Amino acid sequence: LALCDENLMDRMLDAGQLQDADLIPAIARRHVF
């Protein structure tokens, strides 16, 4: 997921894992399927 979207990459670097709240906007923007 981190490779699909810059915001997700930043979240991964900060938090080490992703939450649902991080994924919802990336999916809505069609960066992640």
Full PDB file with SEQRES, HELIX, SHEET, SSBOND, CRYST1, ORIGX, SCALE, CONECT and MASTER records, all heavy atoms in Angstrom:
SEQRES   1 A   33  LEU ALA LEU CYS ASP GLU ASN LEU MET ASP ARG MET LEU          
SEQRES   2 A   33  ASP ALA GLY GLN LEU GLN ASP ALA ASP LEU ILE PRO ALA          
SEQRES   3 A   33  ILE ALA ARG ARG HIS VAL PHE                                  
HELIX    1 AA1 GLU A    6  ALA A   15  1                                  10    
HELIX    2 AA2 ASP A   20  ALA A   28  1                                   9    
CRYST1    1.000    1.000    1.000  90.00  90.00  90.00 P 1           1          
ORIGX1      1.000000  0.000000  0.000000        0.00000                         
ORIGX2      0.000000  1.000000  0.000000        0.00000                         
ORIGX3      0.000000  0.000000  1.000000        0.00000                         
SCALE1      1.000000  0.000000  0.000000        0.00000                         
SCALE2      0.000000  1.000000  0.000000        0.00000                         
SCALE3      0.000000  0.000000  1.000000        0.00000                         
ATOM      1  N   LEU A   1       0.822  -1.216   0.000  1.00  0.00           N  
ATOM      2  CA  LEU A   1       0.000   0.000   0.000  1.00  0.00           C  
ATOM      3  C   LEU A   1       0.856   1.266   0.000  1.00  0.00           C  
ATOM      4  O   LEU A   1       0.528   2.245  -0.666  1.00  0.00           O  
ATOM      5  CB  LEU A   1      -0.927   0.011   1.222  1.00  0.00           C  
ATOM      6  CG  LEU A   1      -2.140  -0.914   1.139  1.00  0.00           C  
ATOM      7  CD1 LEU A   1      -2.781  -1.073   2.514  1.00  0.00           C  
ATOM      8  CD2 LEU A   1      -3.157  -0.370   0.138  1.00  0.00           C  
ATOM      9  N   ALA A   2       1.947   1.218   0.740  1.00  0.00           N  
ATOM     10  CA  ALA A   2       2.807   2.397   0.854  1.00  0.00           C  
ATOM     11  C   ALA A   2       3.371   2.817  -0.508  1.00  0.00           C  
ATOM     12  O   ALA A   2       3.648   3.998  -0.736  1.00  0.00           O  
ATOM     13  CB  ALA A   2       3.936   2.129   1.840  1.00  0.00           C  
ATOM     14  N   LEU A   3       3.496   1.843  -1.416  1.00  0.00           N  
ATOM     15  CA  LEU A   3       4.034   2.156  -2.740  1.00  0.00           C  
ATOM     16  C   LEU A   3       2.987   2.797  -3.664  1.00  0.00           C  
ATOM     17  O   LEU A   3       3.315   3.306  -4.720  1.00  0.00           O  
ATOM     18  CB  LEU A   3       4.568   0.881  -3.407  1.00  0.00           C  
ATOM     19  CG  LEU A   3       5.703   0.179  -2.655  1.00  0.00           C  
ATOM     20  CD1 LEU A   3       6.030  -1.150  -3.309  1.00  0.00           C  
ATOM     21  CD2 LEU A   3       6.949   1.069  -2.597  1.00  0.00           C  
ATOM     22  N   CYS A   4       1.706   2.769  -3.237  1.00  0.00           N  
ATOM     23  CA  CYS A   4       0.623   3.266  -4.096  1.00  0.00           C  
ATOM     24  C   CYS A   4       0.323   4.744  -3.887  1.00  0.00           C  
ATOM     25  O   CYS A   4      -0.320   5.360  -4.729  1.00  0.00           O  
ATOM     26  CB  CYS A   4      -0.674   2.501  -3.807  1.00  0.00           C  
ATOM     27  SG  CYS A   4      -0.555   0.740  -4.088  1.00  0.00           S  
ATOM     28  N   ASP A   5       0.724   5.286  -2.733  1.00  0.00           N  
ATOM     29  CA  ASP A   5       0.232   6.610  -2.371  1.00  0.00           C  
ATOM     30  C   ASP A   5       1.215   7.266  -1.401  1.00  0.00           C  
ATOM     31  O   ASP A   5       1.619   6.648  -0.417  1.00  0.00           O  
ATOM     32  CB  ASP A   5      -1.151   6.406  -1.709  1.00  0.00           C  
ATOM     33  CG  ASP A   5      -1.788   7.693  -1.206  1.00  0.00           C  
ATOM     34  OD1 ASP A   5      -1.371   8.183  -0.142  1.00  0.00           O  
ATOM     35  OD2 ASP A   5      -2.720   8.169  -1.861  1.00  0.00           O  
ATOM     36  N   GLU A   6       1.579   8.504  -1.695  1.00  0.00           N  
ATOM     37  CA  GLU A   6       2.590   9.191  -0.868  1.00  0.00           C  
ATOM     38  C   GLU A   6       2.154   9.331   0.588  1.00  0.00           C  
ATOM     39  O   GLU A   6       2.961   9.168   1.502  1.00  0.00           O  
ATOM     40  CB  GLU A   6       2.886  10.574  -1.438  1.00  0.00           C  
ATOM     41  CG  GLU A   6       3.842  10.534  -2.614  1.00  0.00           C  
ATOM     42  CD  GLU A   6       4.001  11.906  -3.272  1.00  0.00           C  
ATOM     43  OE1 GLU A   6       4.042  12.911  -2.541  1.00  0.00           O  
ATOM     44  OE2 GLU A   6       4.063  11.947  -4.509  1.00  0.00           O  
ATOM     45  N   ASN A   7       0.863   9.662   0.796  1.00  0.00           N  
ATOM     46  CA  ASN A   7       0.377   9.817   2.180  1.00  0.00           C  
ATOM     47  C   ASN A   7       0.527   8.519   2.952  1.00  0.00           C  
ATOM     48  O   ASN A   7       0.861   8.514   4.138  1.00  0.00           O  
ATOM     49  CB  ASN A   7      -1.102  10.231   2.210  1.00  0.00           C  
ATOM     50  CG  ASN A   7      -1.316  11.594   1.565  1.00  0.00           C  
ATOM     51  OD1 ASN A   7      -0.352  12.292   1.266  1.00  0.00           O  
ATOM     52  ND2 ASN A   7      -2.564  11.952   1.344  1.00  0.00           N  
ATOM     53  N   LEU A   8       0.262   7.391   2.255  1.00  0.00           N  
ATOM     54  CA  LEU A   8       0.389   6.095   2.933  1.00  0.00           C  
ATOM     55  C   LEU A   8       1.849   5.801   3.241  1.00  0.00           C  
ATOM     56  O   LEU A   8       2.176   5.250   4.302  1.00  0.00           O  
ATOM     57  CB  LEU A   8      -0.218   4.981   2.070  1.00  0.00           C  
ATOM     58  CG  LEU A   8      -1.732   5.057   1.821  1.00  0.00           C  
ATOM     59  CD1 LEU A   8      -2.197   3.870   0.986  1.00  0.00           C  
ATOM     60  CD2 LEU A   8      -2.519   5.097   3.137  1.00  0.00           C  
ATOM     61  N   MET A   9       2.728   6.183   2.335  1.00  0.00           N  
ATOM     62  CA  MET A   9       4.173   6.002   2.565  1.00  0.00           C  
ATOM     63  C   MET A   9       4.600   6.790   3.808  1.00  0.00           C  
ATOM     64  O   MET A   9       5.285   6.265   4.694  1.00  0.00           O  
ATOM     65  CB  MET A   9       4.949   6.482   1.325  1.00  0.00           C  
ATOM     66  CG  MET A   9       6.462   6.381   1.456  1.00  0.00           C  
ATOM     67  SD  MET A   9       7.051   4.659   1.567  1.00  0.00           S  
ATOM     68  CE  MET A   9       7.167   4.239  -0.179  1.00  0.00           C  
ATOM     69  N   ASP A  10       4.128   8.049   3.907  1.00  0.00           N  
ATOM     70  CA  ASP A  10       4.458   8.878   5.071  1.00  0.00           C  
ATOM     71  C   ASP A  10       3.931   8.246   6.362  1.00  0.00           C  
ATOM     72  O   ASP A  10       4.627   8.205   7.377  1.00  0.00           O  
ATOM     73  CB  ASP A  10       3.870  10.296   4.926  1.00  0.00           C  
ATOM     74  CG  ASP A  10       4.514  11.052   3.762  1.00  0.00           C  
ATOM     75  OD1 ASP A  10       5.586  10.602   3.301  1.00  0.00           O  
ATOM     76  OD2 ASP A  10       3.944  12.067   3.310  1.00  0.00           O  
ATOM     77  N   ARG A  11       2.678   7.756   6.313  1.00  0.00           N  
ATOM     78  CA  ARG A  11       2.090   7.119   7.502  1.00  0.00           C  
ATOM     79  C   ARG A  11       2.889   5.896   7.915  1.00  0.00           C  
ATOM     80  O   ARG A  11       3.093   5.651   9.106  1.00  0.00           O  
ATOM     81  CB  ARG A  11       0.634   6.693   7.229  1.00  0.00           C  
ATOM     82  CG  ARG A  11      -0.363   7.818   7.148  1.00  0.00           C  
ATOM     83  CD  ARG A  11      -0.564   8.551   8.446  1.00  0.00           C  
ATOM     84  NE  ARG A  11      -1.034   7.712   9.530  1.00  0.00           N  
ATOM     85  CZ  ARG A  11      -0.823   7.946  10.826  1.00  0.00           C  
ATOM     86  NH1 ARG A  11      -0.134   9.018  11.196  1.00  0.00           N  
ATOM     87  NH2 ARG A  11      -1.288   7.136  11.745  1.00  0.00           N  
ATOM     88  N   MET A  12       3.329   5.122   6.937  1.00  0.00           N  
ATOM     89  CA  MET A  12       4.106   3.916   7.235  1.00  0.00           C  
ATOM     90  C   MET A  12       5.422   4.289   7.915  1.00  0.00           C  
ATOM     91  O   MET A  12       5.832   3.657   8.882  1.00  0.00           O  
ATOM     92  CB  MET A  12       4.406   3.128   5.948  1.00  0.00           C  
ATOM     93  CG  MET A  12       3.366   2.091   5.598  1.00  0.00           C  
ATOM     94  SD  MET A  12       3.199   0.775   6.819  1.00  0.00           S  
ATOM     95  CE  MET A  12       4.535  -0.334   6.336  1.00  0.00           C  
ATOM     96  N   LEU A  13       6.084   5.328   7.391  1.00  0.00           N  
ATOM     97  CA  LEU A  13       7.365   5.750   7.956  1.00  0.00           C  
ATOM     98  C   LEU A  13       7.175   6.274   9.380  1.00  0.00           C  
ATOM     99  O   LEU A  13       7.993   6.033  10.260  1.00  0.00           O  
ATOM    100  CB  LEU A  13       8.025   6.807   7.064  1.00  0.00           C  
ATOM    101  CG  LEU A  13       8.421   6.305   5.665  1.00  0.00           C  
ATOM    102  CD1 LEU A  13       8.881   7.445   4.781  1.00  0.00           C  
ATOM    103  CD2 LEU A  13       9.511   5.231   5.749  1.00  0.00           C  
ATOM    104  N   ASP A  14       6.044   6.953   9.614  1.00  0.00           N  
ATOM    105  CA  ASP A  14       5.767   7.487  10.950  1.00  0.00           C  
ATOM    106  C   ASP A  14       5.326   6.400  11.922  1.00  0.00           C  
ATOM    107  O   ASP A  14       5.859   6.284  13.019  1.00  0.00           O  
ATOM    108  CB  ASP A  14       4.622   8.529  10.905  1.00  0.00           C  
ATOM    109  CG  ASP A  14       5.071   9.804  10.221  1.00  0.00           C  
ATOM    110  OD1 ASP A  14       6.284   9.938   9.990  1.00  0.00           O  
ATOM    111  OD2 ASP A  14       4.203  10.647   9.902  1.00  0.00           O  
ATOM    112  N   ALA A  15       4.293   5.640  11.509  1.00  0.00           N  
ATOM    113  CA  ALA A  15       3.613   4.757  12.464  1.00  0.00           C  
ATOM    114  C   ALA A  15       4.006   3.288  12.340  1.00  0.00           C  
ATOM    115  O   ALA A  15       3.737   2.503  13.244  1.00  0.00           O  
ATOM    116  CB  ALA A  15       2.103   4.911  12.295  1.00  0.00           C  
ATOM    117  N   GLY A  16       4.596   2.921  11.215  1.00  0.00           N  
ATOM    118  CA  GLY A  16       5.002   1.526  11.053  1.00  0.00           C  
ATOM    119  C   GLY A  16       3.876   0.615  10.582  1.00  0.00           C  
ATOM    120  O   GLY A  16       4.125  -0.503  10.152  1.00  0.00           O  
ATOM    121  N   GLN A  17       2.635   1.103  10.676  1.00  0.00           N  
ATOM    122  CA  GLN A  17       1.522   0.337  10.084  1.00  0.00           C  
ATOM    123  C   GLN A  17       0.379   1.277   9.736  1.00  0.00           C  
ATOM    124  O   GLN A  17       0.361   2.424  10.155  1.00  0.00           O  
ATOM    125  CB  GLN A  17       1.060  -0.786  11.010  1.00  0.00           C  
ATOM    126  CG  GLN A  17       0.517  -0.320  12.344  1.00  0.00           C  
ATOM    127  CD  GLN A  17      -0.079  -1.507  13.109  1.00  0.00           C  
ATOM    128  OE1 GLN A  17       0.042  -2.639  12.697  1.00  0.00           O  
ATOM    129  NE2 GLN A  17      -0.729  -1.233  14.212  1.00  0.00           N  
ATOM    130  N   LEU A  18      -0.564   0.764   8.964  1.00  0.00           N  
ATOM    131  CA  LEU A  18      -1.654   1.612   8.461  1.00  0.00           C  
ATOM    132  C   LEU A  18      -2.976   1.256   9.110  1.00  0.00           C  
ATOM    133  O   LEU A  18      -3.260   0.093   9.381  1.00  0.00           O  
ATOM    134  CB  LEU A  18      -1.771   1.448   6.939  1.00  0.00           C  
ATOM    135  CG  LEU A  18      -0.521   1.849   6.137  1.00  0.00           C  
ATOM    136  CD1 LEU A  18      -0.668   1.441   4.680  1.00  0.00           C  
ATOM    137  CD2 LEU A  18      -0.272   3.356   6.236  1.00  0.00           C  
ATOM    138  N   GLN A  19      -3.785   2.296   9.351  1.00  0.00           N  
ATOM    139  CA  GLN A  19      -5.132   2.113   9.908  1.00  0.00           C  
ATOM    140  C   GLN A  19      -6.167   2.255   8.795  1.00  0.00           C  
ATOM    141  O   GLN A  19      -5.885   2.846   7.754  1.00  0.00           O  
ATOM    142  CB  GLN A  19      -5.421   3.188  10.973  1.00  0.00           C  
ATOM    143  CG  GLN A  19      -4.367   3.317  12.058  1.00  0.00           C  
ATOM    144  CD  GLN A  19      -4.244   2.056  12.898  1.00  0.00           C  
ATOM    145  OE1 GLN A  19      -5.208   1.327  13.065  1.00  0.00           O  
ATOM    146  NE2 GLN A  19      -3.032   1.791  13.395  1.00  0.00           N  
ATOM    147  N   ASP A  20      -7.392   1.788   9.066  1.00  0.00           N  
ATOM    148  CA  ASP A  20      -8.484   1.938   8.091  1.00  0.00           C  
ATOM    149  C   ASP A  20      -8.640   3.405   7.665  1.00  0.00           C  
ATOM    150  O   ASP A  20      -8.854   3.704   6.490  1.00  0.00           O  
ATOM    151  CB  ASP A  20      -9.830   1.472   8.686  1.00  0.00           C  
ATOM    152  CG  ASP A  20      -9.866  -0.045   8.872  1.00  0.00           C  
ATOM    153  OD1 ASP A  20      -8.838  -0.702   8.578  1.00  0.00           O  
ATOM    154  OD2 ASP A  20     -10.914  -0.563   9.298  1.00  0.00           O  
ATOM    155  N   ALA A  21      -8.540   4.309   8.634  1.00  0.00           N  
ATOM    156  CA  ALA A  21      -8.734   5.744   8.350  1.00  0.00           C  
ATOM    157  C   ALA A  21      -7.707   6.273   7.347  1.00  0.00           C  
ATOM    158  O   ALA A  21      -7.970   7.242   6.633  1.00  0.00           O  
ATOM    159  CB  ALA A  21      -8.659   6.545   9.646  1.00  0.00           C  
ATOM    160  N   ASP A  22      -6.531   5.628   7.292  1.00  0.00           N  
ATOM    161  CA  ASP A  22      -5.515   6.052   6.310  1.00  0.00           C  
ATOM    162  C   ASP A  22      -5.900   5.565   4.913  1.00  0.00           C  
ATOM    163  O   ASP A  22      -5.614   6.223   3.908  1.00  0.00           O  
ATOM    164  CB  ASP A  22      -4.139   5.444   6.653  1.00  0.00           C  
ATOM    165  CG  ASP A  22      -3.673   5.789   8.059  1.00  0.00           C  
ATOM    166  OD1 ASP A  22      -3.908   6.937   8.482  1.00  0.00           O  
ATOM    167  OD2 ASP A  22      -3.094   4.916   8.743  1.00  0.00           O  
ATOM    168  N   LEU A  23      -6.532   4.382   4.857  1.00  0.00           N  
ATOM    169  CA  LEU A  23      -6.807   3.748   3.562  1.00  0.00           C  
ATOM    170  C   LEU A  23      -8.020   4.338   2.852  1.00  0.00           C  
ATOM    171  O   LEU A  23      -8.049   4.393   1.630  1.00  0.00           O  
ATOM    172  CB  LEU A  23      -7.039   2.240   3.763  1.00  0.00           C  
ATOM    173  CG  LEU A  23      -5.909   1.480   4.457  1.00  0.00           C  
ATOM    174  CD1 LEU A  23      -6.202  -0.008   4.443  1.00  0.00           C  
ATOM    175  CD2 LEU A  23      -4.571   1.755   3.787  1.00  0.00           C  
ATOM    176  N   ILE A  24      -9.022   4.776   3.652  1.00  0.00           N  
ATOM    177  CA  ILE A  24     -10.284   5.234   3.042  1.00  0.00           C  
ATOM    178  C   ILE A  24     -10.064   6.334   1.993  1.00  0.00           C  
ATOM    179  O   ILE A  24     -10.548   6.215   0.868  1.00  0.00           O  
ATOM    180  CB  ILE A  24     -11.296   5.647   4.142  1.00  0.00           C  
ATOM    181  CG1 ILE A  24     -11.761   4.378   4.884  1.00  0.00           C  
ATOM    182  CG2 ILE A  24     -12.496   6.387   3.562  1.00  0.00           C  
ATOM    183  CD1 ILE A  24     -12.532   4.626   6.166  1.00  0.00           C  
ATOM    184  N   PRO A  25      -9.283   7.408   2.318  1.00  0.00           N  
ATOM    185  CA  PRO A  25      -9.089   8.441   1.283  1.00  0.00           C  
ATOM    186  C   PRO A  25      -8.280   7.950   0.080  1.00  0.00           C  
ATOM    187  O   PRO A  25      -8.545   8.353  -1.054  1.00  0.00           O  
ATOM    188  CB  PRO A  25      -8.341   9.570   2.010  1.00  0.00           C  
ATOM    189  CG  PRO A  25      -8.098   9.116   3.392  1.00  0.00           C  
ATOM    190  CD  PRO A  25      -8.724   7.783   3.618  1.00  0.00           C  
ATOM    191  N   ALA A  26      -7.318   7.068   0.304  1.00  0.00           N  
ATOM    192  CA  ALA A  26      -6.496   6.570  -0.808  1.00  0.00           C  
ATOM    193  C   ALA A  26      -7.339   5.742  -1.776  1.00  0.00           C  
ATOM    194  O   ALA A  26      -7.171   5.799  -2.997  1.00  0.00           O  
ATOM    195  CB  ALA A  26      -5.327   5.735  -0.273  1.00  0.00           C  
ATOM    196  N   ILE A  27      -8.298   4.972  -1.221  1.00  0.00           N  
ATOM    197  CA  ILE A  27      -9.197   4.170  -2.061  1.00  0.00           C  
ATOM    198  C   ILE A  27     -10.175   5.097  -2.797  1.00  0.00           C  
ATOM    199  O   ILE A  27     -10.411   4.939  -3.999  1.00  0.00           O  
ATOM    200  CB  ILE A  27      -9.951   3.131  -1.202  1.00  0.00           C  
ATOM    201  CG1 ILE A  27      -8.961   2.094  -0.668  1.00  0.00           C  
ATOM    202  CG2 ILE A  27     -11.060   2.452  -2.009  1.00  0.00           C  
ATOM    203  CD1 ILE A  27      -9.505   1.206   0.437  1.00  0.00           C  
ATOM    204  N   ALA A  28     -10.706   6.087  -2.070  1.00  0.00           N  
ATOM    205  CA  ALA A  28     -11.662   7.025  -2.676  1.00  0.00           C  
ATOM    206  C   ALA A  28     -11.024   7.812  -3.820  1.00  0.00           C  
ATOM    207  O   ALA A  28     -11.691   8.157  -4.796  1.00  0.00           O  
ATOM    208  CB  ALA A  28     -12.216   7.977  -1.620  1.00  0.00           C  
ATOM    209  N   ARG A  29      -9.719   8.055  -3.718  1.00  0.00           N  
ATOM    210  CA  ARG A  29      -9.013   8.810  -4.774  1.00  0.00           C  
ATOM    211  C   ARG A  29      -8.530   7.909  -5.909  1.00  0.00           C  
ATOM    212  O   ARG A  29      -7.840   8.372  -6.811  1.00  0.00           O  
ATOM    213  CB  ARG A  29      -7.808   9.543  -4.176  1.00  0.00           C  
ATOM    214  CG  ARG A  29      -8.188  10.784  -3.398  1.00  0.00           C  
ATOM    215  CD  ARG A  29      -7.000  11.728  -3.266  1.00  0.00           C  
ATOM    216  NE  ARG A  29      -5.933  11.148  -2.462  1.00  0.00           N  
ATOM    217  CZ  ARG A  29      -5.822  11.329  -1.145  1.00  0.00           C  
ATOM    218  NH1 ARG A  29      -6.709  12.055  -0.494  1.00  0.00           N  
ATOM    219  NH2 ARG A  29      -4.836  10.770  -0.486  1.00  0.00           N  
ATOM    220  N   ARG A  30      -8.853   6.599  -5.809  1.00  0.00           N  
ATOM    221  CA  ARG A  30      -8.429   5.619  -6.829  1.00  0.00           C  
ATOM    222  C   ARG A  30      -6.905   5.478  -6.906  1.00  0.00           C  
ATOM    223  O   ARG A  30      -6.359   5.238  -7.970  1.00  0.00           O  
ATOM    224  CB  ARG A  30      -9.022   5.968  -8.216  1.00  0.00           C  
ATOM    225  CG  ARG A  30     -10.518   5.753  -8.318  1.00  0.00           C  
ATOM    226  CD  ARG A  30     -11.073   6.069  -9.696  1.00  0.00           C  
ATOM    227  NE  ARG A  30     -10.260   5.526 -10.780  1.00  0.00           N  
ATOM    228  CZ  ARG A  30     -10.399   4.307 -11.320  1.00  0.00           C  
ATOM    229  NH1 ARG A  30     -11.342   3.507 -10.885  1.00  0.00           N  
ATOM    230  NH2 ARG A  30      -9.616   3.919 -12.286  1.00  0.00           N  
ATOM    231  N   HIS A  31      -6.233   5.616  -5.758  1.00  0.00           N  
ATOM    232  CA  HIS A  31      -4.796   5.305  -5.728  1.00  0.00           C  
ATOM    233  C   HIS A  31      -4.590   3.842  -5.356  1.00  0.00           C  
ATOM    234  O   HIS A  31      -3.555   3.263  -5.649  1.00  0.00           O  
ATOM    235  CB  HIS A  31      -4.069   6.191  -4.703  1.00  0.00           C  
ATOM    236  CG  HIS A  31      -4.029   7.633  -5.110  1.00  0.00           C  
ATOM    237  ND1 HIS A  31      -3.403   8.603  -4.372  1.00  0.00           N  
ATOM    238  CD2 HIS A  31      -4.542   8.276  -6.199  1.00  0.00           C  
ATOM    239  CE1 HIS A  31      -3.535   9.786  -4.974  1.00  0.00           C  
ATOM    240  NE2 HIS A  31      -4.228   9.606  -6.072  1.00  0.00           N  
ATOM    241  N   VAL A  32      -5.596   3.287  -4.674  1.00  0.00           N  
ATOM    242  CA  VAL A  32      -5.506   1.894  -4.201  1.00  0.00           C  
ATOM    243  C   VAL A  32      -6.776   1.155  -4.625  1.00  0.00           C  
ATOM    244  O   VAL A  32      -7.881   1.690  -4.488  1.00  0.00           O  
ATOM    245  CB  VAL A  32      -5.396   1.847  -2.658  1.00  0.00           C  
ATOM    246  CG1 VAL A  32      -5.548   0.419  -2.142  1.00  0.00           C  
ATOM    247  CG2 VAL A  32      -4.071   2.441  -2.197  1.00  0.00           C  
ATOM    248  N   PHE A  33      -6.584  -0.079  -5.119  1.00  0.00           N  
ATOM    249  CA  PHE A  33      -7.719  -0.942  -5.490  1.00  0.00           C  
ATOM    250  C   PHE A  33      -7.604  -2.239  -4.696  1.00  0.00           C  
ATOM    251  O   PHE A  33      -6.832  -3.121  -5.060  1.00  0.00           O  
ATOM    252  CB  PHE A  33      -7.717  -1.218  -6.995  1.00  0.00           C  
ATOM    253  CG  PHE A  33      -7.672   0.054  -7.809  1.00  0.00           C  
ATOM    254  CD1 PHE A  33      -6.495   0.448  -8.444  1.00  0.00           C  
ATOM    255  CD2 PHE A  33      -8.786   0.870  -7.909  1.00  0.00           C  
ATOM    256  CE1 PHE A  33      -6.439   1.634  -9.169  1.00  0.00           C  
ATOM    257  CE2 PHE A  33      -8.743   2.061  -8.635  1.00  0.00           C  
ATOM    258  CZ  PHE A  33      -7.569   2.439  -9.266  1.00  0.00           C  
TER     259      PHE A  33                                                      
MASTER        0    0    0    2    0    0    0    6  258    1    0    3          
END                                                                             
